[in-house]
Protein backbone atom coordinates (compact mmCIF):
# COMPACT_ATOMS: atom_id res chain seq x y z
CA MET A 1 -196.87 34.16 -109.90
CA LEU A 2 -196.61 37.43 -108.02
CA VAL A 3 -199.96 38.23 -106.39
CA ALA A 4 -199.00 41.08 -104.04
CA ALA A 5 -196.09 43.26 -102.99
CA ALA A 6 -195.33 45.73 -100.24
CA VAL A 7 -192.58 48.31 -100.68
CA CYS A 8 -191.12 49.70 -97.45
CA PRO A 9 -188.12 51.84 -96.49
CA CYS A 10 -185.30 50.19 -94.57
CA PRO A 11 -183.57 52.75 -92.33
CA PRO A 12 -182.59 51.17 -88.99
CA LEU A 13 -184.24 54.21 -87.39
CA LEU A 14 -187.55 52.63 -88.35
CA VAL A 15 -186.93 50.30 -85.38
CA PRO A 16 -187.91 52.24 -82.23
CA GLU A 17 -185.15 50.65 -80.15
CA VAL A 18 -182.57 52.01 -82.60
CA ALA A 19 -184.24 55.42 -82.71
CA ALA A 20 -184.40 55.44 -78.88
CA GLY A 21 -187.52 57.58 -79.07
CA ALA A 22 -185.74 60.25 -81.10
CA ALA A 23 -187.62 59.71 -84.37
CA PRO A 24 -191.35 60.25 -83.73
CA GLU A 25 -191.61 61.60 -87.27
CA LEU A 26 -191.25 58.00 -88.47
CA ASP A 27 -194.41 56.90 -86.65
CA THR A 28 -196.43 57.62 -89.80
CA ALA A 29 -194.02 55.55 -91.89
CA ARG A 30 -194.25 52.67 -89.41
CA ALA A 31 -198.05 52.77 -89.57
CA ALA A 32 -197.95 52.77 -93.37
CA CYS A 33 -195.63 49.74 -93.34
CA THR A 34 -198.09 47.92 -91.10
CA ASP A 35 -200.89 48.68 -93.55
CA ALA A 36 -198.74 47.48 -96.45
CA LEU A 37 -198.02 44.15 -94.77
CA GLY A 38 -201.73 43.75 -94.24
CA VAL A 39 -202.13 43.76 -98.03
CA LEU A 40 -199.62 40.91 -98.24
CA ALA A 41 -201.49 38.86 -95.65
CA ALA A 42 -204.80 39.48 -97.42
CA ALA A 43 -203.32 38.02 -100.63
CA ARG A 44 -202.86 34.62 -98.90
CA PRO A 45 -199.51 33.82 -100.55
CA ASP A 46 -197.87 30.42 -100.62
CA LEU A 47 -194.45 32.07 -100.22
CA LEU A 48 -193.22 35.46 -99.03
CA VAL A 49 -189.84 36.64 -100.31
CA VAL A 50 -188.21 39.63 -98.62
CA VAL A 51 -185.97 41.48 -101.09
CA GLY A 52 -183.53 44.10 -99.88
CA PRO A 53 -180.19 45.81 -100.47
CA ALA A 54 -177.00 43.85 -99.83
CA ASP A 55 -173.30 44.68 -99.69
CA THR A 56 -172.49 42.27 -102.53
CA ALA A 57 -174.08 42.33 -105.97
CA GLY A 58 -175.80 39.01 -105.29
CA PRO A 59 -178.39 37.74 -105.48
CA GLU A 60 -177.79 36.23 -102.06
CA THR A 61 -180.28 33.83 -100.47
CA TYR A 62 -181.20 34.00 -96.77
CA PRO A 63 -183.32 31.02 -95.68
CA GLN A 64 -186.08 31.10 -93.15
CA GLY A 65 -184.59 31.41 -89.68
CA THR A 66 -181.56 33.50 -90.70
CA PRO A 67 -180.61 35.86 -87.87
CA GLY A 68 -180.00 39.57 -88.03
CA SER A 69 -179.12 42.16 -85.41
CA PHE A 70 -178.93 45.88 -84.75
CA HIS A 71 -175.84 45.63 -82.56
CA GLY A 72 -173.93 47.79 -85.03
CA PHE A 73 -176.29 50.62 -84.16
CA GLY A 74 -175.66 50.30 -80.45
CA VAL A 75 -178.78 48.23 -79.69
CA GLY A 76 -178.76 44.67 -78.34
CA LEU A 77 -181.67 43.62 -80.52
CA ASP A 78 -181.74 40.39 -82.53
CA VAL A 79 -184.32 39.27 -85.10
CA ARG A 80 -184.82 36.21 -87.25
CA LEU A 81 -186.31 35.96 -90.72
CA GLY A 82 -189.36 33.76 -90.36
CA ALA A 83 -189.73 30.79 -88.07
CA ASP A 84 -186.51 29.56 -86.48
CA VAL A 85 -185.41 26.31 -88.12
CA ARG A 86 -182.49 23.88 -88.18
CA PRO A 87 -180.92 23.25 -91.60
CA GLY A 88 -182.87 20.60 -93.48
CA ALA A 89 -185.66 20.43 -90.91
CA ASP A 90 -189.33 20.66 -91.70
CA VAL A 91 -191.11 23.62 -90.12
CA PRO A 92 -194.48 22.64 -88.68
CA PRO A 93 -197.06 25.43 -88.36
CA GLU A 94 -197.28 24.70 -84.64
CA ALA A 95 -193.57 25.38 -84.11
CA GLY A 96 -194.59 28.42 -82.10
CA VAL A 97 -191.83 30.80 -83.21
CA ARG A 98 -193.32 33.99 -84.52
CA PRO A 99 -191.76 35.05 -87.84
CA GLY A 100 -189.25 37.85 -87.33
CA SER A 101 -189.62 37.65 -83.56
CA GLU A 102 -186.89 38.95 -81.30
CA VAL A 103 -184.62 36.37 -79.68
CA PRO A 104 -182.16 36.74 -76.81
CA HIS A 105 -178.71 37.76 -77.89
CA GLY A 106 -176.44 34.74 -78.07
CA ALA A 107 -179.28 32.20 -77.94
CA ASP A 108 -178.62 29.05 -79.98
CA ARG A 109 -181.91 28.01 -81.52
CA GLY A 110 -180.81 26.16 -84.62
CA THR A 111 -179.78 29.08 -86.81
CA PRO A 112 -179.25 28.06 -90.44
CA ALA A 113 -175.62 28.11 -91.51
CA GLY A 114 -174.60 31.09 -93.60
CA PRO A 115 -174.30 34.88 -93.40
CA ALA A 116 -176.46 37.06 -91.17
CA LEU A 117 -179.11 39.31 -92.64
CA PRO A 118 -177.90 42.61 -94.10
CA TYR A 119 -179.43 45.61 -92.36
CA GLY A 120 -182.23 46.12 -94.91
CA LEU A 121 -183.45 42.56 -94.55
CA ALA A 122 -183.08 42.81 -90.76
CA VAL A 123 -185.49 45.75 -90.83
CA GLY A 124 -187.81 43.60 -92.95
CA ALA A 125 -187.60 40.79 -90.38
CA TRP A 126 -188.41 43.29 -87.66
CA LEU A 127 -191.48 44.48 -89.59
CA LEU A 128 -192.70 40.91 -90.00
CA GLY A 129 -192.26 40.25 -86.29
CA ARG A 130 -194.01 43.51 -85.40
CA THR A 131 -197.05 42.53 -87.43
CA GLY A 132 -196.99 38.90 -86.33
CA TRP A 133 -196.56 37.44 -89.81
CA ALA A 134 -197.52 33.76 -89.88
CA ASP A 135 -199.28 33.50 -93.24
CA ALA A 136 -196.65 31.75 -95.39
CA PRO A 137 -193.03 30.53 -95.39
CA VAL A 138 -190.48 33.32 -95.67
CA GLU A 139 -187.10 33.65 -97.33
CA GLY A 140 -184.81 36.58 -98.09
CA ARG A 141 -182.97 37.73 -101.19
CA GLY A 142 -180.22 40.34 -101.10
CA VAL A 143 -179.35 42.37 -104.19
CA GLY A 144 -176.62 44.99 -104.42
CA GLU A 145 -176.16 48.24 -106.30
CA HIS A 146 -173.84 46.64 -108.86
CA LEU A 147 -176.46 44.16 -110.07
CA THR A 148 -177.68 45.28 -113.51
CA ALA A 149 -181.30 46.09 -114.24
CA GLU A 150 -181.50 43.09 -116.57
CA ARG A 151 -180.17 40.73 -113.91
CA CYS A 152 -182.55 42.20 -111.32
CA ALA A 153 -185.51 41.63 -113.63
CA GLU A 154 -184.33 38.08 -114.28
CA GLU A 155 -184.13 37.47 -110.53
CA GLY A 156 -187.66 38.82 -110.13
CA ARG A 157 -189.05 36.48 -112.76
CA ALA A 158 -187.34 33.53 -111.09
CA VAL A 159 -188.73 34.49 -107.69
CA ALA A 160 -192.26 34.88 -109.08
CA ALA A 161 -192.06 31.36 -110.51
CA ARG A 162 -191.25 29.81 -107.12
CA ALA A 163 -194.90 29.17 -106.19
CA ASP A 164 -198.43 29.61 -107.47
CA ARG A 165 -198.95 32.61 -105.19
CA VAL A 166 -195.84 34.63 -104.35
CA ALA A 167 -195.74 37.87 -102.35
CA LEU A 168 -192.79 40.24 -102.04
CA LEU A 169 -191.76 42.52 -99.22
CA VAL A 170 -189.39 44.92 -100.96
CA MET A 171 -187.07 46.95 -98.74
CA GLY A 172 -185.15 50.01 -99.91
CA ASP A 173 -184.74 53.77 -99.63
CA ALA A 174 -184.82 56.47 -102.28
CA SER A 175 -182.13 59.14 -102.51
CA ALA A 176 -180.02 60.22 -99.53
CA CYS A 177 -179.37 63.67 -100.98
CA ARG A 178 -182.51 65.69 -100.40
CA THR A 179 -181.15 68.32 -97.98
CA LEU A 180 -177.91 69.91 -96.90
CA LYS A 181 -177.87 67.69 -93.80
CA ALA A 182 -178.64 64.49 -95.70
CA PRO A 183 -176.07 61.68 -95.58
CA GLY A 184 -175.13 62.43 -99.21
CA TYR A 185 -175.49 66.23 -98.94
CA LEU A 186 -177.86 68.17 -101.19
CA ASP A 187 -178.13 67.15 -104.83
CA GLU A 188 -180.69 69.00 -106.95
CA ARG A 189 -181.31 65.82 -108.96
CA ALA A 190 -182.56 63.93 -105.92
CA ALA A 191 -186.09 65.34 -105.56
CA PRO A 192 -187.15 64.76 -109.19
CA PHE A 193 -185.57 61.30 -109.15
CA ASP A 194 -187.51 60.40 -106.01
CA ALA A 195 -190.71 61.85 -107.44
CA GLU A 196 -190.45 59.56 -110.45
CA ILE A 197 -189.85 56.55 -108.20
CA ALA A 198 -192.91 57.47 -106.13
CA ARG A 199 -195.01 57.82 -109.27
CA ALA A 200 -193.78 54.48 -110.66
CA LEU A 201 -194.40 52.62 -107.41
CA GLY A 202 -197.83 54.15 -107.00
CA ALA A 203 -198.77 53.23 -110.57
CA ALA A 204 -197.13 49.78 -110.61
CA ASP A 205 -195.15 51.02 -113.62
CA THR A 206 -192.70 48.19 -114.19
CA GLY A 207 -191.17 49.78 -117.29
CA ALA A 208 -190.25 52.95 -115.41
CA LEU A 209 -188.65 50.97 -112.60
CA ILE A 210 -186.60 48.82 -114.98
CA GLY A 211 -185.52 51.99 -116.78
CA LEU A 212 -184.16 53.75 -113.69
CA ASP A 213 -180.72 55.27 -114.28
CA THR A 214 -178.41 52.99 -112.30
CA GLY A 215 -175.52 55.44 -112.37
CA LEU A 216 -177.65 58.30 -111.08
CA ALA A 217 -179.14 56.03 -108.44
CA ARG A 218 -175.63 55.22 -107.24
CA ASP A 219 -174.69 58.93 -107.19
CA LEU A 220 -177.77 59.71 -105.11
CA ARG A 221 -177.15 56.78 -102.75
CA VAL A 222 -180.44 55.08 -103.57
CA SER A 223 -180.47 51.70 -101.81
CA GLY A 224 -183.80 50.58 -103.28
CA ARG A 225 -182.97 50.63 -106.99
CA ALA A 226 -182.06 46.94 -107.35
CA PRO A 227 -184.87 45.64 -105.07
CA TRP A 228 -187.45 47.72 -106.98
CA GLN A 229 -186.18 46.30 -110.26
CA VAL A 230 -186.54 42.78 -108.85
CA LEU A 231 -190.14 43.70 -108.08
CA ALA A 232 -190.64 44.94 -111.63
CA GLY A 233 -189.33 41.66 -113.03
CA ALA A 234 -191.51 39.62 -110.70
CA ALA A 235 -194.61 41.57 -111.73
CA ALA A 236 -194.05 41.00 -115.44
CA GLY A 237 -196.22 37.87 -115.41
CA ASN A 238 -199.26 39.53 -113.81
CA ALA A 239 -200.61 42.50 -115.76
CA SER A 240 -203.57 42.85 -113.39
CA LEU A 241 -201.47 44.24 -110.52
CA GLY A 242 -202.30 47.79 -109.49
CA GLY A 243 -200.29 50.08 -107.24
CA ALA A 244 -201.04 52.42 -104.36
CA LEU A 245 -198.64 54.89 -102.74
CA LEU A 246 -199.25 54.95 -98.98
CA TYR A 247 -196.43 57.19 -97.77
CA GLU A 248 -193.83 59.56 -99.20
CA ASP A 249 -191.49 61.80 -97.21
CA ALA A 250 -187.84 62.65 -96.75
CA PRO A 251 -187.02 62.99 -93.05
CA TYR A 252 -183.31 63.48 -92.46
CA GLY A 253 -182.94 64.23 -96.19
CA VAL A 254 -183.54 60.58 -97.22
CA GLY A 255 -186.48 59.56 -99.39
CA TYR A 256 -188.76 57.00 -97.74
CA LEU A 257 -191.63 55.40 -99.67
CA VAL A 258 -194.33 52.87 -98.80
CA ALA A 259 -196.43 51.34 -101.54
CA THR A 260 -198.49 48.25 -102.27
CA TRP A 261 -199.15 46.26 -105.42
CA SER A 262 -202.11 43.92 -105.51
């Protein structure tokens, strides 16, 4: 059953090494993300699932130890999702590898076979490493913009059934069309769309999230639509969850939101 969730934005600029000190306006967002992960730790989950946008419709599974990098953004920074493990190996608590911790580029430390983390999940791994997550096993799930709302909700229900106490770290951005200089240029529909997302996340309104217009979300370049709908599906079995909106802003014309459900 889902017992807690943290919703965070996933721009690579959230990582200071990528921003190279040029994005101090994201310091408040980083602090809010840290607070949100604290809610996850306080819930004492048996399993943490990081859900984020992916290039394929998915869902794609990324086991604990999957690597990710920010090399595509000109930074030689590598991360791993959870403790570093060899395929099929047990992971003792004393393994000593901090979840999400940075590792030297090119180091061979038993990376599980399979694809690397998409950028949204790599940002999630970085957040976990930054906060020193060591409270539960971690795995990743990637969901793309072509996955239907119904399939997202189904995925969420399946994830919530994985353990008695499941927590989600949900990565995704709102619209990228809030200003003339935004990646998607200015679209007058973006601000009200983002406002409704903020309201729904702050109120833990699963119905509103499931009902998001997928076509409009695609037009507005919303990367978080599918992950948020996975969250809504996962929360369906726990009516006691309440939401709190910790951060809402649109630097660079992109909507960034931080929220918690607990």
